[in-house]
Amino acid sequence: MKQETALKLLKAGENVFLTGSAGAGKTYTLNKYIQYLKIRKVPVAITASTGIAATHMNGMTIHTWAGIGIKDSLSEDDLKRMKERKYLKEHLENTQVLIIDEISMLHAKQLNLVNQVLKYFKENDQAFGGIQIVVAGDFFQLPPVGKNEERNRDKFCFMSEAWVEAKFRICYLTEQHRQDDETLNQILNAIRAQNLQNQHFDALTSVRKQDIGETFTRLYTHNMDVDHLNFQHLNAIDGESHQFNAVLDGNEKLLETLKSSVRAPEELTLKKHAKVMFVKNNFDMGYINGSLGEVIGFEEDDEHGLLPKVQLTDGSVLLVEPETWSVENDAGKIIASFQQIPLRLAWAITIHKSQGMTLEAAEINLSHTFEKGQGYVALSRLKSLEGLRLTGFNDQALELDRLAIKADRRFQELSEEAEQHFANTDLAAQHQAFIRHCGGTLNPSEIARNERKFAKNGDKNNYATSTLEETKELFENGYDISDIAQERGLTPATIINHLARLHKEQGLDISVAHPGDEVVEQVRKIYKRLKKGQRSENFNDDGSIKLRPIVEATQPKMGYDQVRLALLFIE
């Protein structure tokens, strides 16, 4: 199916399953549809099955959005309690269109739960409470993580009751947009058809020792290999290491469950220049599960002591505070919690973790694949064969799940039928009817105004920018730093860092946050003295003065946040 036919069906308000091979333009089509809805003021929820997948469209995980967490079932009491959570109630009741990306990694049980939650909040027994649901993904990607005894047919969400209920229109995109390498494209299509020929194997074997430059990601099948390589790289860095230990509290059995599901290590060792990956979503801070970055230093904090400073791949710098993962009982009380810096080393990552990424260059080892689909996922992360060094593969590496193959063939047939039926059909009346049904706008001048606004802000669609803008809005509305921190669930240190960036990058007037002449003057004198003294232990590697020596020299002793704020008016 062509992208334009898929968009036509989406705009008509149909429940749609958007699929196709890697690089067929699923994310592009979704983004076009999201833009269309936002311009017409239709409330749309953008979610994905994993954190890394959510980055494509600036969304959040479906588990967080629907309030289901890691649960397998929801009782009537669970639903009642969920309705008491203000933010859940607001967005679940308002949403008219729900988008779930990387649907292949969502367990059948979880799709059923989303269906149950929406019916309850919308007070509507139709599928997903009567709203439009759009799911996107490719079932040749790896299946969801389930219990050991579970078969794939129990895990794939196209086997769920909710899927049957939704009566999805299948839009199987067939044009290729990502891979600019015809050979790689042919190999991926041959894997999908399970029809690999000698020339495909020859092409893969030829890149065993290929030079792919200095900057690349290593993908492995097993966590053990990933951990070994990461520690090797960490040990090769000269410089002081800092250890961060998790704080565990509550029921021992539940803590064991938490430890196995949380991707942050119990003991995390970091050095400056360590490559890291975030393992939790925090949209307010500007990172999600899967965000990559590099440790550029460490900084003291009033509340948490020493914290790592991380520069993300988009250039933004964050002081990373501990996050908490927890389990609640039926009354909503926390009975087990795991608190840790939400980072892990990332010179190498597992293939599972790479789903949803697009990589320029990667070294991949498929010698120990243990699950069908791993090879396909790994290879389809790349844009071209030139960026691949394939160090080995076994017999299973390029096989796919039989049920997924069978389902895919049926999806293609249904999509072809829809293409033939709708390609030349005018659905303009349905498009307008759906916007009216959702409470959106059809006013041409309002749409034109929103289009201009969208075009202007289109490049600001990243987390770091959106979190800065939220702080800016509250600050300009007269909130002080502690109120902004409370309102946004962040620390004052983070808000001060936001103000520093807003002042530097946007010229924001921050004079109302001035901590007082006496405070600034005292910090200024200490700052000048330390600068003049040029003692190396008082300086960070980038030449800035550390906070600790300033704090320790203040009389009476100031807090780190107070000094941090005063420095904005000195530096």
Protein backbone atom coordinates (compact mmCIF):
# COMPACT_ATOMS: atom_id res chain seq x y z
CA MET A 1 0.00 0.00 0.00
CA LYS A 2 1.11 3.55 -0.74
CA GLN A 3 1.54 6.02 2.10
CA GLU A 4 -1.16 8.32 0.67
CA THR A 5 -3.79 5.51 0.75
CA ALA A 6 -2.85 4.69 4.35
CA LEU A 7 -3.18 8.39 5.29
CA LYS A 8 -6.57 8.54 3.57
CA LEU A 9 -7.84 5.62 5.71
CA LEU A 10 -6.35 7.07 8.90
CA LYS A 11 -8.07 10.41 8.32
CA ALA A 12 -11.40 8.60 7.89
CA GLY A 13 -11.19 7.51 11.54
CA GLU A 14 -10.63 3.80 10.80
CA ASN A 15 -8.80 1.63 13.35
CA VAL A 16 -5.57 0.91 11.47
CA PHE A 17 -2.65 -1.49 11.75
CA LEU A 18 0.23 0.19 9.91
CA THR A 19 2.97 -2.25 8.97
CA GLY A 20 5.66 -3.00 6.37
CA SER A 21 9.35 -3.80 6.24
CA ALA A 22 12.02 -1.73 8.02
CA GLY A 23 12.34 1.64 6.35
CA ALA A 24 8.94 1.50 4.61
CA GLY A 25 7.98 4.81 6.23
CA LYS A 26 5.73 3.74 9.14
CA THR A 27 7.04 6.44 11.48
CA TYR A 28 6.92 9.06 8.70
CA THR A 29 3.25 8.22 7.94
CA LEU A 30 2.35 8.35 11.64
CA ASN A 31 4.06 11.72 12.02
CA LYS A 32 2.12 13.09 9.03
CA TYR A 33 -1.13 11.91 10.59
CA ILE A 34 -0.21 13.30 14.03
CA GLN A 35 0.56 16.67 12.44
CA TYR A 36 -2.81 16.59 10.60
CA LEU A 37 -4.67 15.90 13.88
CA LYS A 38 -2.79 18.53 15.92
CA ILE A 39 -3.40 21.22 13.30
CA ARG A 40 -7.14 20.44 13.57
CA LYS A 41 -6.98 20.37 17.38
CA VAL A 42 -7.92 16.69 17.78
CA PRO A 43 -6.61 15.30 21.10
CA VAL A 44 -4.12 12.54 20.14
CA ALA A 45 -2.09 10.33 22.47
CA ILE A 46 1.28 9.26 21.10
CA THR A 47 2.69 6.15 22.72
CA ALA A 48 4.95 3.19 22.03
CA SER A 49 5.60 -0.23 23.53
CA THR A 50 9.11 0.79 24.69
CA GLY A 51 10.87 3.97 25.71
CA ILE A 52 13.34 4.03 22.82
CA ALA A 53 10.52 3.62 20.31
CA ALA A 54 8.71 6.57 21.89
CA THR A 55 11.57 8.91 20.86
CA HIS A 56 10.50 8.81 17.22
CA MET A 57 7.38 10.78 17.87
CA ASN A 58 8.02 12.47 21.17
CA GLY A 59 5.62 10.14 22.97
CA MET A 60 5.59 8.04 26.11
CA THR A 61 5.26 4.31 26.76
CA ILE A 62 1.74 2.89 26.50
CA HIS A 63 2.23 1.35 29.97
CA THR A 64 2.71 4.81 31.53
CA TRP A 65 -0.01 6.48 29.45
CA ALA A 66 -2.67 3.89 30.26
CA GLY A 67 -1.53 3.55 33.89
CA ILE A 68 -1.11 -0.25 33.56
CA GLY A 69 2.59 -0.37 34.53
CA ILE A 70 3.82 -3.97 34.55
CA LYS A 71 0.47 -5.49 35.57
CA ASP A 72 -1.03 -8.57 33.89
CA SER A 73 -4.59 -7.91 35.10
CA LEU A 74 -6.72 -5.11 36.59
CA SER A 75 -9.49 -5.52 39.16
CA GLU A 76 -12.48 -3.19 39.57
CA ASP A 77 -10.69 -1.67 42.60
CA ASP A 78 -7.56 -1.04 40.49
CA LEU A 79 -9.66 0.83 37.92
CA LYS A 80 -11.41 2.91 40.60
CA ARG A 81 -8.06 3.92 42.09
CA MET A 82 -6.76 4.81 38.63
CA LYS A 83 -9.75 7.11 38.13
CA GLU A 84 -8.73 9.00 41.28
CA ARG A 85 -5.37 9.90 39.70
CA LYS A 86 -6.05 13.30 38.23
CA TYR A 87 -3.52 13.23 35.36
CA LEU A 88 -4.69 9.75 34.27
CA LYS A 89 -8.34 10.71 34.36
CA GLU A 90 -7.78 13.89 32.33
CA HIS A 91 -5.77 12.45 29.46
CA LEU A 92 -7.69 9.16 29.20
CA GLU A 93 -11.06 10.91 29.08
CA ASN A 94 -9.90 13.60 26.62
CA THR A 95 -8.07 11.44 24.07
CA GLN A 96 -9.85 10.86 20.76
CA VAL A 97 -7.04 9.05 18.90
CA LEU A 98 -4.55 6.62 20.44
CA ILE A 99 -1.35 5.72 18.58
CA ILE A 100 0.84 2.80 19.70
CA ASP A 101 4.16 2.37 17.87
CA GLU A 102 6.31 -0.79 17.87
CA ILE A 103 3.17 -2.81 18.59
CA SER A 104 5.04 -6.11 18.02
CA MET A 105 6.74 -5.70 21.42
CA LEU A 106 3.47 -5.20 23.32
CA HIS A 107 2.20 -8.38 24.98
CA ALA A 108 -1.33 -9.56 24.07
CA LYS A 109 -2.34 -9.25 27.76
CA GLN A 110 -1.23 -5.61 27.82
CA LEU A 111 -3.25 -4.69 24.71
CA ASN A 112 -6.26 -6.30 26.41
CA LEU A 113 -5.58 -4.14 29.51
CA VAL A 114 -5.41 -0.92 27.45
CA ASN A 115 -8.78 -1.91 25.91
CA GLN A 116 -10.22 -2.55 29.41
CA VAL A 117 -8.91 0.78 30.80
CA LEU A 118 -10.31 2.86 27.92
CA LYS A 119 -13.74 1.20 28.09
CA TYR A 120 -13.86 1.99 31.82
CA PHE A 121 -12.71 5.63 31.56
CA LYS A 122 -14.81 6.39 28.46
CA GLU A 123 -17.80 4.51 29.92
CA ASN A 124 -18.21 2.93 26.49
CA ASP A 125 -18.24 -0.81 25.70
CA GLN A 126 -17.03 -0.41 22.12
CA ALA A 127 -13.43 -1.49 21.34
CA PHE A 128 -11.00 0.85 23.14
CA GLY A 129 -13.90 2.93 24.47
CA GLY A 130 -14.98 4.02 20.98
CA ILE A 131 -11.85 6.08 20.14
CA GLN A 132 -9.71 5.59 17.04
CA ILE A 133 -6.78 3.28 17.72
CA VAL A 134 -3.78 3.18 15.39
CA VAL A 135 -1.08 0.56 15.94
CA ALA A 136 2.17 0.41 13.98
CA GLY A 137 5.00 -2.06 13.81
CA ASP A 138 6.33 -5.21 12.24
CA PHE A 139 5.76 -8.67 13.74
CA PHE A 140 9.08 -9.85 12.28
CA GLN A 141 10.68 -7.79 15.05
CA LEU A 142 11.28 -9.66 18.30
CA PRO A 143 8.21 -10.84 20.24
CA PRO A 144 7.34 -9.33 23.64
CA VAL A 145 9.10 -10.55 26.73
CA GLY A 146 6.83 -13.07 28.49
CA LYS A 147 6.97 -15.90 31.00
CA ASN A 148 9.35 -18.77 30.27
CA GLU A 149 6.61 -21.28 29.43
CA GLU A 150 4.74 -18.90 27.10
CA ARG A 151 4.63 -19.59 23.38
CA ASN A 152 4.82 -16.75 20.87
CA ARG A 153 1.16 -17.31 19.94
CA ASP A 154 0.29 -16.41 23.56
CA LYS A 155 2.41 -13.25 23.38
CA PHE A 156 1.77 -11.71 19.95
CA CYS A 157 -0.93 -9.07 20.35
CA PHE A 158 -2.58 -9.90 17.00
CA MET A 159 -3.79 -13.03 18.85
CA SER A 160 -5.49 -10.96 21.59
CA GLU A 161 -9.23 -10.40 22.10
CA ALA A 162 -8.69 -6.63 21.88
CA TRP A 163 -7.12 -6.99 18.41
CA VAL A 164 -10.11 -8.96 17.11
CA GLU A 165 -12.51 -6.43 18.68
CA ALA A 166 -10.75 -3.45 17.07
CA LYS A 167 -11.37 -4.78 13.51
CA PHE A 168 -8.15 -3.18 12.26
CA ARG A 169 -7.86 -2.04 8.66
CA ILE A 170 -4.46 -3.37 7.49
CA CYS A 171 -2.17 -0.85 5.77
CA TYR A 172 0.97 -2.71 4.66
CA LEU A 173 3.41 -0.09 3.28
CA THR A 174 5.44 -1.41 0.38
CA GLU A 175 7.65 1.52 -0.72
CA GLN A 176 11.21 1.60 0.67
CA HIS A 177 12.48 4.85 2.25
CA ARG A 178 15.20 4.08 4.80
CA GLN A 179 17.76 1.83 3.23
CA ASP A 180 19.64 3.62 0.51
CA ASP A 181 21.49 0.40 -0.20
CA GLU A 182 19.78 -1.92 -2.64
CA THR A 183 21.80 -4.97 -1.51
CA LEU A 184 20.79 -4.60 2.14
CA ASN A 185 17.21 -4.02 1.06
CA GLN A 186 17.25 -7.26 -0.98
CA ILE A 187 18.73 -9.21 1.97
CA LEU A 188 16.04 -7.91 4.36
CA ASN A 189 13.25 -8.75 1.91
CA ALA A 190 14.77 -12.20 1.36
CA ILE A 191 14.76 -12.79 5.15
CA ARG A 192 11.10 -11.66 5.30
CA ALA A 193 10.22 -14.09 2.50
CA GLN A 194 12.54 -16.77 4.05
CA ASN A 195 14.14 -17.11 0.64
CA LEU A 196 17.84 -16.35 1.17
CA GLN A 197 20.12 -17.17 -1.78
CA ASN A 198 23.91 -17.69 -2.04
CA GLN A 199 24.48 -14.07 -3.16
CA HIS A 200 22.80 -12.81 0.05
CA PHE A 201 25.06 -14.96 2.26
CA ASP A 202 28.11 -13.89 0.21
CA ALA A 203 27.22 -10.21 0.74
CA LEU A 204 26.90 -10.73 4.52
CA THR A 205 30.14 -12.70 4.72
CA SER A 206 32.00 -9.98 2.78
CA VAL A 207 31.54 -7.39 5.58
CA ARG A 208 33.09 -9.56 8.34
CA LYS A 209 36.16 -7.32 8.63
CA GLN A 210 34.80 -4.14 7.05
CA ASP A 211 36.15 -0.78 8.25
CA ILE A 212 33.11 1.14 9.60
CA GLY A 213 34.99 4.08 11.14
CA GLU A 214 35.55 5.01 14.78
CA THR A 215 31.97 5.80 15.85
CA PHE A 216 29.71 2.74 15.86
CA THR A 217 27.45 0.71 18.15
CA ARG A 218 28.09 -2.92 19.01
CA LEU A 219 25.06 -5.21 19.08
CA TYR A 220 25.10 -8.58 20.85
CA THR A 221 22.48 -11.22 21.55
CA HIS A 222 23.33 -11.76 25.24
CA ASN A 223 23.61 -9.39 28.20
CA MET A 224 26.75 -11.20 29.35
CA ASP A 225 28.71 -10.22 26.20
CA VAL A 226 27.41 -6.65 26.45
CA ASP A 227 28.47 -6.33 30.11
CA HIS A 228 31.93 -7.78 29.43
CA LEU A 229 32.63 -5.31 26.62
CA ASN A 230 31.27 -2.33 28.54
CA PHE A 231 33.49 -3.05 31.57
CA GLN A 232 36.48 -3.51 29.27
CA HIS A 233 35.93 -0.02 27.81
CA LEU A 234 35.32 1.53 31.22
CA ASN A 235 38.55 0.07 32.61
CA ALA A 236 40.48 1.46 29.63
CA ILE A 237 39.57 5.04 30.62
CA ASP A 238 42.13 6.76 32.83
CA GLY A 239 40.55 8.81 35.56
CA GLU A 240 38.65 8.56 38.81
CA SER A 241 35.70 6.18 38.98
CA HIS A 242 32.54 6.90 40.97
CA GLN A 243 30.24 4.18 42.26
CA PHE A 244 26.50 4.66 42.71
CA ASN A 245 24.70 2.02 44.79
CA ALA A 246 20.99 1.34 44.52
CA VAL A 247 18.85 1.97 47.61
CA LEU A 248 16.48 -0.98 48.14
CA ASP A 249 13.48 -0.96 50.45
CA GLY A 250 10.56 -3.28 51.17
CA ASN A 251 9.49 -6.89 50.61
CA GLU A 252 12.47 -9.11 49.68
CA LYS A 253 10.62 -11.28 47.13
CA LEU A 254 9.25 -8.23 45.37
CA LEU A 255 12.67 -6.62 45.42
CA GLU A 256 14.05 -9.63 43.55
CA THR A 257 11.32 -9.15 40.91
CA LEU A 258 12.16 -5.44 40.70
CA LYS A 259 15.88 -6.14 40.34
CA SER A 260 15.25 -8.47 37.40
CA SER A 261 12.91 -6.06 35.59
CA VAL A 262 14.80 -2.79 36.24
CA ARG A 263 17.60 -2.23 33.73
CA ALA A 264 19.65 -0.01 36.04
CA PRO A 265 22.41 -2.07 37.72
CA GLU A 266 22.47 -2.42 41.50
CA GLU A 267 26.06 -1.13 41.45
CA LEU A 268 26.81 1.44 38.77
CA THR A 269 30.42 2.51 38.18
CA LEU A 270 31.01 5.58 36.01
CA LYS A 271 33.96 7.64 34.79
CA LYS A 272 34.22 10.79 32.77
CA HIS A 273 33.90 9.91 29.02
CA ALA A 274 31.85 6.78 29.76
CA LYS A 275 29.24 6.03 27.08
CA VAL A 276 25.85 5.62 28.77
CA MET A 277 22.21 4.85 28.06
CA PHE A 278 19.23 6.03 30.10
CA VAL A 279 17.00 3.19 31.33
CA LYS A 280 13.89 5.09 32.41
CA ASN A 281 11.54 7.67 30.92
CA ASN A 282 11.60 11.15 32.37
CA PHE A 283 10.05 13.49 29.85
CA ASP A 284 10.34 16.49 32.17
CA MET A 285 14.08 16.05 32.48
CA GLY A 286 14.49 15.53 28.76
CA TYR A 287 15.42 11.85 28.46
CA ILE A 288 13.70 8.54 27.80
CA ASN A 289 14.51 4.85 28.13
CA GLY A 290 17.11 4.35 25.38
CA SER A 291 18.53 7.90 25.16
CA LEU A 292 22.31 7.71 24.55
CA GLY A 293 24.94 10.08 25.91
CA GLU A 294 28.41 10.53 27.41
CA VAL A 295 29.40 11.35 30.99
CA ILE A 296 31.18 14.74 30.86
CA GLY A 297 31.75 15.21 34.59
CA PHE A 298 30.28 14.99 38.10
CA GLU A 299 28.62 17.65 40.24
CA GLU A 300 27.52 17.98 43.86
CA ASP A 301 23.84 18.36 44.70
CA ASP A 302 22.14 19.46 47.96
CA GLU A 303 19.80 16.51 48.06
CA HIS A 304 21.71 13.62 46.45
CA GLY A 305 25.42 14.40 46.87
CA LEU A 306 27.62 13.63 43.83
CA LEU A 307 25.73 13.18 40.55
CA PRO A 308 26.87 12.39 36.96
CA LYS A 309 26.60 15.08 34.29
CA VAL A 310 25.63 13.61 30.91
CA GLN A 311 25.69 15.14 27.45
CA LEU A 312 23.02 13.62 25.18
CA THR A 313 23.55 13.02 21.46
CA ASP A 314 21.45 16.15 20.72
CA GLY A 315 23.97 18.28 22.67
CA SER A 316 21.84 18.95 25.76
CA VAL A 317 23.54 18.46 29.17
CA LEU A 318 21.73 16.95 32.16
CA LEU A 319 22.61 16.47 35.81
CA VAL A 320 21.21 12.97 36.33
CA GLU A 321 19.33 12.42 39.58
CA PRO A 322 18.31 9.03 41.03
CA GLU A 323 14.97 7.58 39.89
CA THR A 324 12.69 5.22 41.80
CA TRP A 325 11.06 2.03 40.50
CA SER A 326 8.37 0.68 42.82
CA VAL A 327 5.63 -1.92 43.37
CA GLU A 328 2.33 -0.88 44.97
CA ASN A 329 -0.21 -3.02 46.82
CA ASP A 330 -3.96 -2.96 46.09
CA ALA A 331 -4.40 0.12 48.29
CA GLY A 332 -1.82 2.02 46.27
CA LYS A 333 0.84 1.88 49.04
CA ILE A 334 4.48 1.31 47.95
CA ILE A 335 5.63 -2.08 49.31
CA ALA A 336 8.98 -2.36 47.46
CA SER A 337 11.22 0.24 45.87
CA PHE A 338 14.52 0.39 43.97
CA GLN A 339 16.26 3.77 43.71
CA GLN A 340 19.25 4.26 41.42
CA ILE A 341 20.83 6.62 38.86
CA PRO A 342 18.88 5.66 35.67
CA LEU A 343 21.96 4.86 33.57
CA ARG A 344 23.89 1.87 32.27
CA LEU A 345 27.07 1.62 30.22
CA ALA A 346 26.41 1.66 26.48
CA TRP A 347 29.46 0.95 24.34
CA ALA A 348 27.54 -2.22 23.53
CA ILE A 349 23.81 -2.96 23.74
CA THR A 350 21.63 -6.03 23.22
CA ILE A 351 19.69 -6.54 20.00
CA HIS A 352 16.49 -6.48 22.08
CA LYS A 353 17.38 -2.98 23.25
CA SER A 354 18.18 -1.78 19.72
CA GLN A 355 14.61 -2.21 18.45
CA GLY A 356 13.30 1.09 17.21
CA MET A 357 16.79 2.57 16.61
CA THR A 358 18.30 3.61 13.27
CA LEU A 359 22.09 3.18 13.28
CA GLU A 360 24.65 4.71 10.91
CA ALA A 361 27.23 2.04 11.73
CA ALA A 362 27.24 -1.12 13.84
CA GLU A 363 29.34 -4.16 14.63
CA ILE A 364 27.01 -7.11 15.04
CA ASN A 365 27.65 -10.61 16.28
CA LEU A 366 24.88 -13.12 15.53
CA SER A 367 26.88 -16.25 16.39
CA HIS A 368 24.84 -16.95 19.51
CA THR A 369 21.30 -16.02 18.47
CA PHE A 370 18.72 -17.85 20.57
CA GLU A 371 15.49 -16.34 19.28
CA LYS A 372 14.06 -16.23 15.78
CA GLY A 373 13.99 -12.71 14.42
CA GLN A 374 17.15 -11.46 16.20
CA GLY A 375 19.19 -11.33 12.99
CA TYR A 376 16.46 -9.50 11.09
CA VAL A 377 16.06 -6.90 13.85
CA ALA A 378 19.80 -6.27 14.06
CA LEU A 379 20.35 -5.93 10.30
CA SER A 380 17.28 -3.75 9.79
CA ARG A 381 18.67 -1.11 12.20
CA LEU A 382 21.16 -0.08 9.47
CA LYS A 383 20.73 2.25 6.53
CA SER A 384 23.30 0.52 4.37
CA LEU A 385 25.63 -2.46 4.14
CA GLU A 386 28.57 -0.02 4.24
CA GLY A 387 27.83 0.68 7.90
CA LEU A 388 27.86 -3.02 8.86
CA ARG A 389 30.59 -5.22 10.29
CA LEU A 390 29.02 -8.66 10.78
CA THR A 391 31.47 -10.72 12.81
CA GLY A 392 29.47 -13.96 12.60
CA PHE A 393 26.05 -15.62 12.44
CA ASN A 394 24.60 -19.09 13.17
CA ASP A 395 21.94 -21.13 11.36
CA GLN A 396 19.07 -19.67 13.40
CA ALA A 397 20.17 -16.05 13.06
CA LEU A 398 18.22 -15.29 9.91
CA GLU A 399 15.12 -17.39 10.65
CA LEU A 400 11.73 -15.89 11.51
CA ASP A 401 8.85 -17.08 13.67
CA ARG A 402 6.42 -19.34 11.72
CA LEU A 403 3.30 -17.73 13.15
CA ALA A 404 4.66 -14.28 12.28
CA ILE A 405 5.33 -15.45 8.67
CA LYS A 406 1.77 -16.80 8.37
CA ALA A 407 0.25 -13.62 9.85
CA ASP A 408 2.40 -11.40 7.61
CA ARG A 409 1.15 -13.13 4.44
CA ARG A 410 -2.45 -12.57 5.55
CA PHE A 411 -1.71 -8.91 6.39
CA GLN A 412 -0.32 -8.40 2.87
CA GLU A 413 -3.47 -9.91 1.28
CA LEU A 414 -5.82 -7.73 3.36
CA SER A 415 -3.76 -4.62 2.62
CA GLU A 416 -3.80 -5.28 -1.14
CA GLU A 417 -7.60 -5.62 -1.03
CA ALA A 418 -7.87 -2.29 0.83
CA GLU A 419 -5.48 -0.59 -1.64
CA GLN A 420 -7.57 -1.74 -4.61
CA HIS A 421 -10.80 -0.62 -2.95
CA PHE A 422 -9.73 2.77 -1.55
CA ALA A 423 -6.87 4.05 -3.75
CA ASN A 424 -9.28 5.95 -6.04
CA THR A 425 -12.15 6.46 -3.57
CA ASP A 426 -12.92 9.99 -2.37
CA LEU A 427 -13.14 9.95 1.48
CA ALA A 428 -13.20 13.75 2.03
CA ALA A 429 -16.70 13.65 3.60
CA GLN A 430 -15.59 10.93 6.07
CA HIS A 431 -12.48 12.98 6.92
CA GLN A 432 -14.59 16.00 7.87
CA ALA A 433 -17.14 13.89 9.75
CA PHE A 434 -14.35 12.32 11.85
CA ILE A 435 -12.83 15.70 12.80
CA ARG A 436 -16.32 16.93 13.86
CA HIS A 437 -16.87 13.70 15.86
CA CYS A 438 -13.55 14.31 17.71
CA GLY A 439 -14.44 17.93 18.54
CA GLY A 440 -11.67 19.29 16.27
CA THR A 441 -11.74 22.38 14.05
CA LEU A 442 -12.66 22.61 10.35
CA ASN A 443 -12.26 26.39 10.25
CA PRO A 444 -9.92 27.09 7.26
CA SER A 445 -8.29 30.22 8.75
CA GLU A 446 -7.65 28.44 12.09
CA ILE A 447 -6.18 25.44 10.25
CA ALA A 448 -3.93 27.76 8.17
CA ARG A 449 -2.77 29.55 11.33
CA ASN A 450 -1.99 26.24 13.05
CA GLU A 451 -0.10 25.01 9.97
CA ARG A 452 2.13 28.11 10.06
CA LYS A 453 2.74 27.60 13.78
CA PHE A 454 3.55 23.92 13.26
CA ALA A 455 5.98 24.70 10.42
CA LYS A 456 7.72 27.26 12.63
CA ASN A 457 8.08 24.92 15.62
CA GLY A 458 8.63 21.71 13.72
CA ASP A 459 12.35 21.65 14.51
CA LYS A 460 11.72 21.99 18.23
CA ASN A 461 10.24 18.57 18.60
CA ASN A 462 12.66 17.12 21.12
CA TYR A 463 12.46 16.47 24.82
CA ALA A 464 15.20 18.83 25.86
CA THR A 465 13.46 21.75 24.15
CA SER A 466 9.96 20.96 25.38
CA THR A 467 11.08 20.62 29.01
CA LEU A 468 12.90 23.99 28.81
CA GLU A 469 9.81 25.64 27.37
CA GLU A 470 7.67 24.30 30.22
CA THR A 471 10.05 25.82 32.79
CA LYS A 472 10.13 29.10 30.84
CA GLU A 473 6.33 29.35 30.76
CA LEU A 474 6.01 28.85 34.54
CA PHE A 475 8.88 31.29 35.24
CA GLU A 476 7.32 33.97 33.05
CA ASN A 477 4.00 33.44 34.86
CA GLY A 478 5.64 34.48 38.12
CA TYR A 479 6.43 31.09 39.71
CA ASP A 480 9.64 31.05 41.78
CA ILE A 481 12.25 28.30 41.47
CA SER A 482 10.99 26.11 44.32
CA ASP A 483 7.38 26.37 43.05
CA ILE A 484 8.44 25.41 39.50
CA ALA A 485 10.41 22.47 40.90
CA GLN A 486 7.38 21.31 42.91
CA GLU A 487 4.94 21.83 40.03
CA ARG A 488 7.12 19.82 37.62
CA GLY A 489 8.37 17.16 40.05
CA LEU A 490 12.00 18.20 39.49
CA THR A 491 14.75 19.44 41.82
CA PRO A 492 15.58 23.14 42.19
CA ALA A 493 19.06 22.33 40.77
CA THR A 494 17.48 21.18 37.50
CA ILE A 495 15.29 24.30 37.29
CA ILE A 496 18.34 26.54 37.89
CA ASN A 497 20.16 24.69 35.06
CA HIS A 498 17.10 25.29 32.85
CA LEU A 499 17.17 29.03 33.64
CA ALA A 500 20.90 29.16 32.83
CA ARG A 501 20.25 27.61 29.41
CA LEU A 502 17.21 29.81 28.73
CA HIS A 503 19.22 32.91 29.61
CA LYS A 504 22.18 31.87 27.46
CA GLU A 505 20.25 30.48 24.45
CA GLN A 506 17.14 32.66 24.39
CA GLY A 507 18.19 35.78 26.33
CA LEU A 508 15.54 35.14 29.02
CA ASP A 509 15.54 37.87 31.68
CA ILE A 510 16.20 35.98 34.93
CA SER A 511 16.77 39.03 37.15
CA VAL A 512 13.68 38.27 39.32
CA ALA A 513 15.45 35.08 40.49
CA HIS A 514 18.39 37.13 41.88
CA PRO A 515 19.25 35.64 45.34
CA GLY A 516 20.22 39.05 46.84
CA ASP A 517 23.31 41.30 46.63
CA GLU A 518 24.92 39.91 49.80
CA VAL A 519 24.74 36.30 48.57
CA VAL A 520 26.00 37.16 45.07
CA GLU A 521 28.79 39.36 46.42
CA GLN A 522 30.07 36.70 48.82
CA VAL A 523 30.01 34.02 46.09
CA ARG A 524 31.69 36.45 43.66
CA LYS A 525 34.63 37.05 46.08
CA ILE A 526 35.14 33.30 46.69
CA TYR A 527 34.81 32.62 42.96
CA LYS A 528 37.46 35.24 42.10
CA ARG A 529 39.82 33.96 44.84
CA LEU A 530 39.55 30.35 43.63
CA LYS A 531 40.00 31.40 40.02
CA LYS A 532 43.11 33.34 40.91
CA GLY A 533 44.52 30.45 42.98
CA GLN A 534 44.34 28.08 39.96
CA ARG A 535 44.44 24.92 42.13
CA SER A 536 43.52 22.04 39.80
CA GLU A 537 41.36 20.22 42.41
CA ASN A 538 38.96 23.22 42.40
CA PHE A 539 38.28 23.03 38.66
CA ASN A 540 36.24 20.77 36.39
CA ASP A 541 37.86 19.48 33.20
CA ASP A 542 35.99 22.06 31.12
CA GLY A 543 37.64 24.88 33.11
CA SER A 544 34.59 25.77 35.24
CA ILE A 545 34.95 26.03 39.03
CA LYS A 546 33.50 23.19 41.10
CA LEU A 547 30.64 24.02 43.44
CA ARG A 548 32.00 22.22 46.51
CA PRO A 549 34.99 24.54 47.27
CA ILE A 550 32.69 27.59 46.93
CA VAL A 551 30.03 26.08 49.23
CA GLU A 552 32.66 25.14 51.84
CA ALA A 553 34.13 28.67 51.87
CA THR A 554 30.77 30.43 52.46
CA GLN A 555 29.98 31.92 55.92
CA PRO A 556 27.31 31.14 57.09
CA LYS A 557 27.34 28.01 54.94
CA MET A 558 25.13 28.19 51.82
CA GLY A 559 23.47 25.29 50.02
CA TYR A 560 24.58 24.07 46.59
CA ASP A 561 21.42 25.41 44.97
CA GLN A 562 21.97 28.86 46.44
CA VAL A 563 25.54 28.94 45.10
CA ARG A 564 24.40 27.52 41.76
CA LEU A 565 21.87 30.35 41.47
CA ALA A 566 24.34 33.05 42.51
CA LEU A 567 26.78 31.86 39.83
CA LEU A 568 24.20 32.64 37.14
CA PHE A 569 24.67 36.32 38.03
CA ILE A 570 28.48 36.09 38.09
CA GLU A 571 29.47 33.88 35.18
